[in-house]
Amino acid sequence: MADSIKKPVARLLAPLTRILLRHGISHAEFADWAKTSFVSEAAANFGVKDKKPTVSRIAIVTGINRKEVKRIVELPAEADGGKAKQNRATRVVTGWLQDKEFHTDKGNPATLEYGEPECSFNQLVKRYGGDVPARAVLDELLRVGTVERKGDNVKLKQKGYVPHESTEAMLDILGDSCTDLLETIDHNISHETSESRLQLNVVYDNLPEEALEEFRRLADKKSMELLKELDKYLSKKDRDVSSKVKGSGKFRAGLGVYLIEQDLSDDETDKS
């Protein structure tokens, strides 16, 4: 089994390693993070007969000695205070893109006034941001470059919460998006086909460079159409958006889309 999983994991680690090296993370730091993750996942998912695993059990499953397992288990949990703020900011931007009350006559997201008038930025936040103050949402969107402000006017610069001007926020998205994909793959590997989750892509590997720009435009257009339709459905079912929604449990669900593009050219490639 180890041999069958080694190559795909090595491919998975290659881009992750580039990101780590680019941000000055050493092998020792990464190894320490991996060790903590091994202990955490073993504790959460590898008990016997639904019982919480002991330190000895975790040590056996992970191959980490009992003393080190005990040290890691006793570490205080790390708080993630910024996640809720990012989630609210994402919902506000999505509402801005979707809600016709905050659009121009041509159907584009309107420039909004910061304040309390009807159809203002503050009203947008009240509708889609829950109990988060409008100022906090505006500060977050300005920080990551999703909006720009001139006087009391706030203008949307991106087609979603895409924090290009914040490395920290982009790295948070790295964690979210990669985790979501791996969770789906893990589910599909460990469950029957009848219980599998949607996991699709379309990739060709002998395309001329001239085809890329047109494909980017097509992929962007079609993806946005699909995501807007799905967002419209999910927003009507989310309790944070509508307090009228009833039902049992609390679940997270959605669909991720990303562009695949890789240069496979070399001096020996036949480009004819």
C-alpha atoms as a PDB file:
ATOM      1  CA  MET A   1       0.000   0.000   0.000  1.00  0.00           C
ATOM      2  CA  ALA A   2       2.859   2.400   0.830  1.00  0.00           C
ATOM      3  CA  ASP A   3       4.253   2.089  -2.697  1.00  0.00           C
ATOM      4  CA  SER A   4       0.885   2.805  -4.321  1.00  0.00           C
ATOM      5  CA  ILE A   5       0.395   6.024  -2.380  1.00  0.00           C
ATOM      6  CA  LYS A   6       4.008   7.273  -2.493  1.00  0.00           C
ATOM      7  CA  LYS A   7       3.976   8.678  -6.040  1.00  0.00           C
ATOM      8  CA  PRO A   8       0.668  10.578  -5.853  1.00  0.00           C
ATOM      9  CA  VAL A   9       1.648  12.053  -2.473  1.00  0.00           C
ATOM     10  CA  ALA A  10       5.029  13.095  -3.904  1.00  0.00           C
ATOM     11  CA  ARG A  11       3.199  14.919  -6.720  1.00  0.00           C
ATOM     12  CA  LEU A  12       0.904  16.519  -4.157  1.00  0.00           C
ATOM     13  CA  LEU A  13       3.856  17.671  -2.052  1.00  0.00           C
ATOM     14  CA  ALA A  14       5.749  19.265  -4.957  1.00  0.00           C
ATOM     15  CA  PRO A  15       3.676  22.497  -5.257  1.00  0.00           C
ATOM     16  CA  LEU A  16       3.186  22.585  -1.483  1.00  0.00           C
ATOM     17  CA  THR A  17       6.963  22.406  -1.002  1.00  0.00           C
ATOM     18  CA  ARG A  18       7.456  25.302  -3.449  1.00  0.00           C
ATOM     19  CA  ILE A  19       5.016  27.409  -1.409  1.00  0.00           C
ATOM     20  CA  LEU A  20       6.752  26.498   1.859  1.00  0.00           C
ATOM     21  CA  LEU A  21      10.238  27.269   0.527  1.00  0.00           C
ATOM     22  CA  ARG A  22       9.014  30.543  -0.976  1.00  0.00           C
ATOM     23  CA  HIS A  23       7.821  31.575   2.487  1.00  0.00           C
ATOM     24  CA  GLY A  24      10.977  30.517   4.294  1.00  0.00           C
ATOM     25  CA  ILE A  25       9.595  27.387   5.942  1.00  0.00           C
ATOM     26  CA  SER A  26      12.246  24.794   6.753  1.00  0.00           C
ATOM     27  CA  HIS A  27      11.895  21.027   6.544  1.00  0.00           C
ATOM     28  CA  ALA A  28      12.108  20.847  10.349  1.00  0.00           C
ATOM     29  CA  GLU A  29       9.156  23.238  10.773  1.00  0.00           C
ATOM     30  CA  PHE A  30       7.073  21.350   8.230  1.00  0.00           C
ATOM     31  CA  ALA A  31       7.946  18.012   9.821  1.00  0.00           C
ATOM     32  CA  ASP A  32       6.796  19.354  13.188  1.00  0.00           C
ATOM     33  CA  TRP A  33       3.478  20.520  11.677  1.00  0.00           C
ATOM     34  CA  ALA A  34       3.047  17.108  10.009  1.00  0.00           C
ATOM     35  CA  LYS A  35       3.696  15.340  13.304  1.00  0.00           C
ATOM     36  CA  THR A  36       1.037  17.432  15.045  1.00  0.00           C
ATOM     37  CA  SER A  37      -1.417  16.689  12.245  1.00  0.00           C
ATOM     38  CA  PHE A  38      -0.743  12.946  12.460  1.00  0.00           C
ATOM     39  CA  VAL A  39      -1.510  12.983  16.176  1.00  0.00           C
ATOM     40  CA  SER A  40      -4.595  15.175  15.760  1.00  0.00           C
ATOM     41  CA  GLU A  41      -6.123  13.054  12.994  1.00  0.00           C
ATOM     42  CA  ALA A  42      -5.344   9.789  14.760  1.00  0.00           C
ATOM     43  CA  ALA A  43      -7.000  11.124  17.910  1.00  0.00           C
ATOM     44  CA  ALA A  44     -10.078  12.280  16.001  1.00  0.00           C
ATOM     45  CA  ASN A  45     -10.604   9.419  13.538  1.00  0.00           C
ATOM     46  CA  PHE A  46      -8.736   6.262  14.515  1.00  0.00           C
ATOM     47  CA  GLY A  47     -10.224   5.127  17.794  1.00  0.00           C
ATOM     48  CA  VAL A  48     -11.418   1.569  18.367  1.00  0.00           C
ATOM     49  CA  LYS A  49     -15.183   0.941  18.415  1.00  0.00           C
ATOM     50  CA  ASP A  50     -15.954   4.664  18.568  1.00  0.00           C
ATOM     51  CA  LYS A  51     -13.894   5.087  21.739  1.00  0.00           C
ATOM     52  CA  LYS A  52     -11.487   7.993  22.121  1.00  0.00           C
ATOM     53  CA  PRO A  53      -8.015   6.608  21.380  1.00  0.00           C
ATOM     54  CA  THR A  54      -5.447   6.496  24.162  1.00  0.00           C
ATOM     55  CA  VAL A  55      -1.953   7.920  23.907  1.00  0.00           C
ATOM     56  CA  SER A  56      -0.673   4.377  23.351  1.00  0.00           C
ATOM     57  CA  ARG A  57      -3.168   3.797  20.550  1.00  0.00           C
ATOM     58  CA  ILE A  58      -2.158   7.052  18.825  1.00  0.00           C
ATOM     59  CA  ALA A  59       1.504   6.124  19.184  1.00  0.00           C
ATOM     60  CA  ILE A  60       0.878   2.743  17.531  1.00  0.00           C
ATOM     61  CA  VAL A  61      -1.145   4.234  14.655  1.00  0.00           C
ATOM     62  CA  THR A  62       1.258   7.102  13.916  1.00  0.00           C
ATOM     63  CA  GLY A  63       4.619   5.585  14.810  1.00  0.00           C
ATOM     64  CA  ILE A  64       5.358   8.565  17.069  1.00  0.00           C
ATOM     65  CA  ASN A  65       6.635   7.752  20.555  1.00  0.00           C
ATOM     66  CA  ARG A  66       4.220   8.014  23.512  1.00  0.00           C
ATOM     67  CA  LYS A  67       6.065  10.900  25.181  1.00  0.00           C
ATOM     68  CA  GLU A  68       5.842  13.039  22.051  1.00  0.00           C
ATOM     69  CA  VAL A  69       2.200  12.096  21.467  1.00  0.00           C
ATOM     70  CA  LYS A  70       1.352  13.117  25.041  1.00  0.00           C
ATOM     71  CA  ARG A  71       3.125  16.464  24.558  1.00  0.00           C
ATOM     72  CA  ILE A  72       1.215  17.199  21.371  1.00  0.00           C
ATOM     73  CA  VAL A  73      -2.147  16.115  22.768  1.00  0.00           C
ATOM     74  CA  GLU A  74      -1.708  18.505  25.692  1.00  0.00           C
ATOM     75  CA  LEU A  75      -0.913  21.519  23.493  1.00  0.00           C
ATOM     76  CA  PRO A  76      -3.597  24.269  23.646  1.00  0.00           C
ATOM     77  CA  ALA A  77      -5.834  24.470  20.603  1.00  0.00           C
ATOM     78  CA  GLU A  78      -5.030  27.307  18.195  1.00  0.00           C
ATOM     79  CA  ALA A  79      -7.829  29.821  17.708  1.00  0.00           C
ATOM     80  CA  ASP A  80      -8.768  30.898  14.178  1.00  0.00           C
ATOM     81  CA  GLY A  81     -10.403  34.228  14.844  1.00  0.00           C
ATOM     82  CA  GLY A  82     -10.033  35.508  11.291  1.00  0.00           C
ATOM     83  CA  LYS A  83     -12.020  32.715   9.645  1.00  0.00           C
ATOM     84  CA  ALA A  84     -15.462  33.984  10.649  1.00  0.00           C
ATOM     85  CA  LYS A  85     -14.591  37.457   9.399  1.00  0.00           C
ATOM     86  CA  GLN A  86     -13.453  36.095   6.039  1.00  0.00           C
ATOM     87  CA  ASN A  87     -16.599  33.972   5.702  1.00  0.00           C
ATOM     88  CA  ARG A  88     -18.819  37.007   6.347  1.00  0.00           C
ATOM     89  CA  ALA A  89     -16.804  39.110   3.899  1.00  0.00           C
ATOM     90  CA  THR A  90     -17.216  36.399   1.262  1.00  0.00           C
ATOM     91  CA  ARG A  91     -20.996  36.350   1.758  1.00  0.00           C
ATOM     92  CA  VAL A  92     -21.176  40.140   1.488  1.00  0.00           C
ATOM     93  CA  VAL A  93     -19.259  40.131  -1.807  1.00  0.00           C
ATOM     94  CA  THR A  94     -21.404  37.291  -3.151  1.00  0.00           C
ATOM     95  CA  GLY A  95     -24.562  39.179  -2.199  1.00  0.00           C
ATOM     96  CA  TRP A  96     -23.198  42.234  -3.984  1.00  0.00           C
ATOM     97  CA  LEU A  97     -22.663  40.161  -7.122  1.00  0.00           C
ATOM     98  CA  GLN A  98     -26.067  38.476  -6.930  1.00  0.00           C
ATOM     99  CA  ASP A  99     -28.599  40.871  -5.434  1.00  0.00           C
ATOM    100  CA  LYS A 100     -30.203  43.090  -8.088  1.00  0.00           C
ATOM    101  CA  GLU A 101     -30.996  45.750  -5.479  1.00  0.00           C
ATOM    102  CA  PHE A 102     -27.271  46.496  -5.362  1.00  0.00           C
ATOM    103  CA  HIS A 103     -26.770  46.519  -9.151  1.00  0.00           C
ATOM    104  CA  THR A 104     -26.716  49.198 -11.841  1.00  0.00           C
ATOM    105  CA  ASP A 105     -29.357  49.379 -14.562  1.00  0.00           C
ATOM    106  CA  LYS A 106     -27.004  47.283 -16.719  1.00  0.00           C
ATOM    107  CA  GLY A 107     -26.942  44.502 -14.112  1.00  0.00           C
ATOM    108  CA  ASN A 108     -23.418  45.082 -12.792  1.00  0.00           C
ATOM    109  CA  PRO A 109     -22.493  45.481  -9.095  1.00  0.00           C
ATOM    110  CA  ALA A 110     -23.076  49.156  -8.311  1.00  0.00           C
ATOM    111  CA  THR A 111     -20.713  51.510  -6.530  1.00  0.00           C
ATOM    112  CA  LEU A 112     -22.246  51.795  -3.051  1.00  0.00           C
ATOM    113  CA  GLU A 113     -22.281  54.620  -0.544  1.00  0.00           C
ATOM    114  CA  TYR A 114     -20.771  53.895   2.843  1.00  0.00           C
ATOM    115  CA  GLY A 115     -23.511  54.832   5.289  1.00  0.00           C
ATOM    116  CA  GLU A 116     -27.127  54.058   6.074  1.00  0.00           C
ATOM    117  CA  PRO A 117     -29.069  55.122   2.924  1.00  0.00           C
ATOM    118  CA  GLU A 118     -31.154  52.555   1.069  1.00  0.00           C
ATOM    119  CA  CYS A 119     -29.038  50.208  -1.079  1.00  0.00           C
ATOM    120  CA  SER A 120     -25.876  51.404   0.693  1.00  0.00           C
ATOM    121  CA  PHE A 121     -22.820  49.336   1.578  1.00  0.00           C
ATOM    122  CA  ASN A 122     -24.030  49.217   5.179  1.00  0.00           C
ATOM    123  CA  GLN A 123     -27.404  47.828   4.085  1.00  0.00           C
ATOM    124  CA  LEU A 124     -25.607  45.207   1.994  1.00  0.00           C
ATOM    125  CA  VAL A 125     -23.614  44.120   5.051  1.00  0.00           C
ATOM    126  CA  LYS A 126     -26.754  44.001   7.207  1.00  0.00           C
ATOM    127  CA  ARG A 127     -28.406  41.720   4.667  1.00  0.00           C
ATOM    128  CA  TYR A 128     -25.512  39.343   4.052  1.00  0.00           C
ATOM    129  CA  GLY A 129     -22.965  39.851   6.817  1.00  0.00           C
ATOM    130  CA  GLY A 130     -25.007  38.895   9.853  1.00  0.00           C
ATOM    131  CA  ASP A 131     -24.056  40.788  12.985  1.00  0.00           C
ATOM    132  CA  VAL A 132     -20.597  41.898  11.778  1.00  0.00           C
ATOM    133  CA  PRO A 133     -20.240  45.724  11.696  1.00  0.00           C
ATOM    134  CA  ALA A 134     -20.075  47.270   8.227  1.00  0.00           C
ATOM    135  CA  ARG A 135     -16.810  48.980   9.138  1.00  0.00           C
ATOM    136  CA  ALA A 136     -15.145  45.634   9.974  1.00  0.00           C
ATOM    137  CA  VAL A 137     -16.247  44.123   6.645  1.00  0.00           C
ATOM    138  CA  LEU A 138     -15.098  47.198   4.720  1.00  0.00           C
ATOM    139  CA  ASP A 139     -11.692  47.124   6.431  1.00  0.00           C
ATOM    140  CA  GLU A 140     -11.266  43.453   5.520  1.00  0.00           C
ATOM    141  CA  LEU A 141     -12.245  43.991   1.871  1.00  0.00           C
ATOM    142  CA  LEU A 142      -9.945  47.011   1.590  1.00  0.00           C
ATOM    143  CA  ARG A 143      -7.094  45.070   3.207  1.00  0.00           C
ATOM    144  CA  VAL A 144      -7.222  42.265   0.679  1.00  0.00           C
ATOM    145  CA  GLY A 145      -7.880  44.503  -2.340  1.00  0.00           C
ATOM    146  CA  THR A 146     -11.388  43.268  -3.152  1.00  0.00           C
ATOM    147  CA  VAL A 147     -12.849  46.791  -3.023  1.00  0.00           C
ATOM    148  CA  GLU A 148     -11.628  50.373  -3.326  1.00  0.00           C
ATOM    149  CA  ARG A 149     -12.997  53.410  -1.519  1.00  0.00           C
ATOM    150  CA  LYS A 150     -13.110  57.002  -2.751  1.00  0.00           C
ATOM    151  CA  GLY A 151     -14.708  59.279  -0.223  1.00  0.00           C
ATOM    152  CA  ASP A 152     -17.975  57.643   0.790  1.00  0.00           C
ATOM    153  CA  ASN A 153     -18.146  55.489  -2.349  1.00  0.00           C
ATOM    154  CA  VAL A 154     -17.158  51.809  -2.221  1.00  0.00           C
ATOM    155  CA  LYS A 155     -16.496  49.983  -5.510  1.00  0.00           C
ATOM    156  CA  LEU A 156     -16.098  46.243  -6.056  1.00  0.00           C
ATOM    157  CA  LYS A 157     -12.838  45.415  -7.873  1.00  0.00           C
ATOM    158  CA  GLN A 158     -13.036  41.619  -8.036  1.00  0.00           C
ATOM    159  CA  LYS A 159     -15.614  39.033  -9.119  1.00  0.00           C
ATOM    160  CA  GLY A 160     -15.541  37.551  -5.635  1.00  0.00           C
ATOM    161  CA  TYR A 161     -13.547  37.479  -2.416  1.00  0.00           C
ATOM    162  CA  VAL A 162     -10.166  37.051  -4.126  1.00  0.00           C
ATOM    163  CA  PRO A 163      -7.557  38.603  -1.805  1.00  0.00           C
ATOM    164  CA  HIS A 164      -4.717  39.128  -4.307  1.00  0.00           C
ATOM    165  CA  GLU A 165      -3.219  41.939  -2.222  1.00  0.00           C
ATOM    166  CA  SER A 166      -3.010  39.873   0.969  1.00  0.00           C
ATOM    167  CA  THR A 167      -0.588  36.944   1.039  1.00  0.00           C
ATOM    168  CA  GLU A 168      -1.965  35.907   4.412  1.00  0.00           C
ATOM    169  CA  ALA A 169      -5.535  35.716   3.119  1.00  0.00           C
ATOM    170  CA  MET A 170      -4.454  33.868  -0.041  1.00  0.00           C
ATOM    171  CA  LEU A 171      -2.673  31.309   2.141  1.00  0.00           C
ATOM    172  CA  ASP A 172      -5.898  30.857   4.110  1.00  0.00           C
ATOM    173  CA  ILE A 173      -7.620  30.064   0.812  1.00  0.00           C
ATOM    174  CA  LEU A 174      -4.826  27.561   0.085  1.00  0.00           C
ATOM    175  CA  GLY A 175      -5.750  25.766   3.301  1.00  0.00           C
ATOM    176  CA  ASP A 176      -9.482  25.887   2.617  1.00  0.00           C
ATOM    177  CA  SER A 177      -9.462  24.875  -1.057  1.00  0.00           C
ATOM    178  CA  CYS A 178      -6.874  22.107  -0.817  1.00  0.00           C
ATOM    179  CA  THR A 179      -8.561  20.715   2.296  1.00  0.00           C
ATOM    180  CA  ASP A 180     -11.948  20.673   0.564  1.00  0.00           C
ATOM    181  CA  LEU A 181     -10.567  18.779  -2.452  1.00  0.00           C
ATOM    182  CA  LEU A 182      -8.671  16.266  -0.311  1.00  0.00           C
ATOM    183  CA  GLU A 183     -11.707  15.718   1.927  1.00  0.00           C
ATOM    184  CA  THR A 184     -13.738  14.841  -1.172  1.00  0.00           C
ATOM    185  CA  ILE A 185     -11.034  12.497  -2.491  1.00  0.00           C
ATOM    186  CA  ASP A 186     -10.672  10.838   0.922  1.00  0.00           C
ATOM    187  CA  HIS A 187     -14.448  10.336   1.082  1.00  0.00           C
ATOM    188  CA  ASN A 188     -14.520   8.792  -2.395  1.00  0.00           C
ATOM    189  CA  ILE A 189     -11.621   6.451  -1.616  1.00  0.00           C
ATOM    190  CA  SER A 190     -13.141   5.262   1.668  1.00  0.00           C
ATOM    191  CA  HIS A 191     -16.805   4.931   0.617  1.00  0.00           C
ATOM    192  CA  GLU A 192     -18.816   2.868  -1.835  1.00  0.00           C
ATOM    193  CA  THR A 193     -19.339   4.265  -5.345  1.00  0.00           C
ATOM    194  CA  SER A 194     -23.011   4.810  -4.589  1.00  0.00           C
ATOM    195  CA  GLU A 195     -22.005   7.261  -1.832  1.00  0.00           C
ATOM    196  CA  SER A 196     -19.326   9.119  -3.813  1.00  0.00           C
ATOM    197  CA  ARG A 197     -19.226  12.889  -4.066  1.00  0.00           C
ATOM    198  CA  LEU A 198     -18.888  14.874  -7.277  1.00  0.00           C
ATOM    199  CA  GLN A 199     -15.238  14.930  -8.373  1.00  0.00           C
ATOM    200  CA  LEU A 200     -14.741  15.913 -12.018  1.00  0.00           C
ATOM    201  CA  ASN A 201     -12.263  17.728 -14.221  1.00  0.00           C
ATOM    202  CA  VAL A 202     -11.520  18.144 -17.914  1.00  0.00           C
ATOM    203  CA  VAL A 203      -7.855  18.324 -19.009  1.00  0.00           C
ATOM    204  CA  TYR A 204      -6.010  17.992 -22.354  1.00  0.00           C
ATOM    205  CA  ASP A 205      -2.196  17.896 -22.458  1.00  0.00           C
ATOM    206  CA  ASN A 206      -1.150  18.772 -26.024  1.00  0.00           C
ATOM    207  CA  LEU A 207      -2.617  22.227 -26.602  1.00  0.00           C
ATOM    208  CA  PRO A 208      -0.929  25.104 -28.459  1.00  0.00           C
ATOM    209  CA  GLU A 209      -0.299  28.286 -26.476  1.00  0.00           C
ATOM    210  CA  GLU A 210      -2.672  30.161 -28.790  1.00  0.00           C
ATOM    211  CA  ALA A 211      -5.644  28.189 -27.421  1.00  0.00           C
ATOM    212  CA  LEU A 212      -5.053  29.191 -23.791  1.00  0.00           C
ATOM    213  CA  GLU A 213      -6.402  32.738 -23.771  1.00  0.00           C
ATOM    214  CA  GLU A 214      -9.683  31.766 -25.410  1.00  0.00           C
ATOM    215  CA  PHE A 215     -10.026  28.829 -23.010  1.00  0.00           C
ATOM    216  CA  ARG A 216      -9.398  31.112 -20.004  1.00  0.00           C
ATOM    217  CA  ARG A 217     -12.189  33.429 -21.149  1.00  0.00           C
ATOM    218  CA  LEU A 218     -14.570  30.522 -21.820  1.00  0.00           C
ATOM    219  CA  ALA A 219     -13.770  28.850 -18.489  1.00  0.00           C
ATOM    220  CA  ASP A 220     -14.226  32.132 -16.624  1.00  0.00           C
ATOM    221  CA  LYS A 221     -17.574  32.854 -18.267  1.00  0.00           C
ATOM    222  CA  LYS A 222     -19.056  29.372 -17.852  1.00  0.00           C
ATOM    223  CA  SER A 223     -17.721  28.936 -14.297  1.00  0.00           C
ATOM    224  CA  MET A 224     -19.165  32.249 -13.136  1.00  0.00           C
ATOM    225  CA  GLU A 225     -22.545  31.365 -14.631  1.00  0.00           C
ATOM    226  CA  LEU A 226     -22.586  28.046 -12.790  1.00  0.00           C
ATOM    227  CA  LEU A 227     -21.318  29.420  -9.482  1.00  0.00           C
ATOM    228  CA  LYS A 228     -23.821  32.270  -9.514  1.00  0.00           C
ATOM    229  CA  GLU A 229     -26.663  29.809 -10.071  1.00  0.00           C
ATOM    230  CA  LEU A 230     -25.454  27.553  -7.246  1.00  0.00           C
ATOM    231  CA  ASP A 231     -24.880  30.510  -4.949  1.00  0.00           C
ATOM    232  CA  LYS A 232     -28.419  31.724  -5.539  1.00  0.00           C
ATOM    233  CA  TYR A 233     -29.717  28.329  -4.403  1.00  0.00           C
ATOM    234  CA  LEU A 234     -27.424  27.957  -1.368  1.00  0.00           C
ATOM    235  CA  SER A 235     -28.000  31.509  -0.127  1.00  0.00           C
ATOM    236  CA  LYS A 236     -31.714  30.751   0.159  1.00  0.00           C
ATOM    237  CA  LYS A 237     -30.945  27.717   2.335  1.00  0.00           C
ATOM    238  CA  ASP A 238     -28.331  29.265   4.651  1.00  0.00           C
ATOM    239  CA  ARG A 239     -29.539  30.208   8.128  1.00  0.00           C
ATOM    240  CA  ASP A 240     -27.081  33.107   8.368  1.00  0.00           C
ATOM    241  CA  VAL A 241     -28.662  34.676   5.291  1.00  0.00           C
ATOM    242  CA  SER A 242     -32.270  33.835   6.089  1.00  0.00           C
ATOM    243  CA  SER A 243     -33.503  33.236   9.626  1.00  0.00           C
ATOM    244  CA  LYS A 244     -36.640  31.641   8.152  1.00  0.00           C
ATOM    245  CA  VAL A 245     -34.713  28.522   7.082  1.00  0.00           C
ATOM    246  CA  LYS A 246     -35.571  25.510   9.248  1.00  0.00           C
ATOM    247  CA  GLY A 247     -34.142  22.010   9.431  1.00  0.00           C
ATOM    248  CA  SER A 248     -31.881  19.721  11.408  1.00  0.00           C
ATOM    249  CA  GLY A 249     -28.110  19.638  11.758  1.00  0.00           C
ATOM    250  CA  LYS A 250     -25.468  22.080  10.544  1.00  0.00           C
ATOM    251  CA  PHE A 251     -23.609  21.288   7.327  1.00  0.00           C
ATOM    252  CA  ARG A 252     -21.126  22.972   5.010  1.00  0.00           C
ATOM    253  CA  ALA A 253     -21.573  22.356   1.284  1.00  0.00           C
ATOM    254  CA  GLY A 254     -20.503  23.963  -1.972  1.00  0.00           C
ATOM    255  CA  LEU A 255     -18.639  23.478  -5.234  1.00  0.00           C
ATOM    256  CA  GLY A 256     -15.074  24.535  -6.032  1.00  0.00           C
ATOM    257  CA  VAL A 257     -13.760  25.546  -9.463  1.00  0.00           C
ATOM    258  CA  TYR A 258     -10.146  26.170 -10.474  1.00  0.00           C
ATOM    259  CA  LEU A 259      -8.236  26.642 -13.727  1.00  0.00           C
ATOM    260  CA  ILE A 260      -5.617  24.051 -14.725  1.00  0.00           C
ATOM    261  CA  GLU A 261      -2.693  25.350 -16.784  1.00  0.00           C
ATOM    262  CA  GLN A 262       0.817  23.879 -17.024  1.00  0.00           C
ATOM    263  CA  ASP A 263       3.641  24.435 -19.503  1.00  0.00           C
ATOM    264  CA  LEU A 264       4.896  21.043 -20.700  1.00  0.00           C
ATOM    265  CA  SER A 265       7.169  22.461 -23.401  1.00  0.00           C
ATOM    266  CA  ASP A 266      10.867  21.652 -23.676  1.00  0.00           C
ATOM    267  CA  ASP A 267      13.480  21.846 -26.385  1.00  0.00           C
ATOM    268  CA  GLU A 268      12.556  18.392 -27.703  1.00  0.00           C
ATOM    269  CA  THR A 269       8.819  18.954 -27.888  1.00  0.00           C
ATOM    270  CA  ASP A 270       7.325  18.782 -31.349  1.00  0.00           C
ATOM    271  CA  LYS A 271       5.460  22.098 -31.597  1.00  0.00           C
ATOM    272  CA  SER A 272       4.189  21.544 -35.122  1.00  0.00           C
END
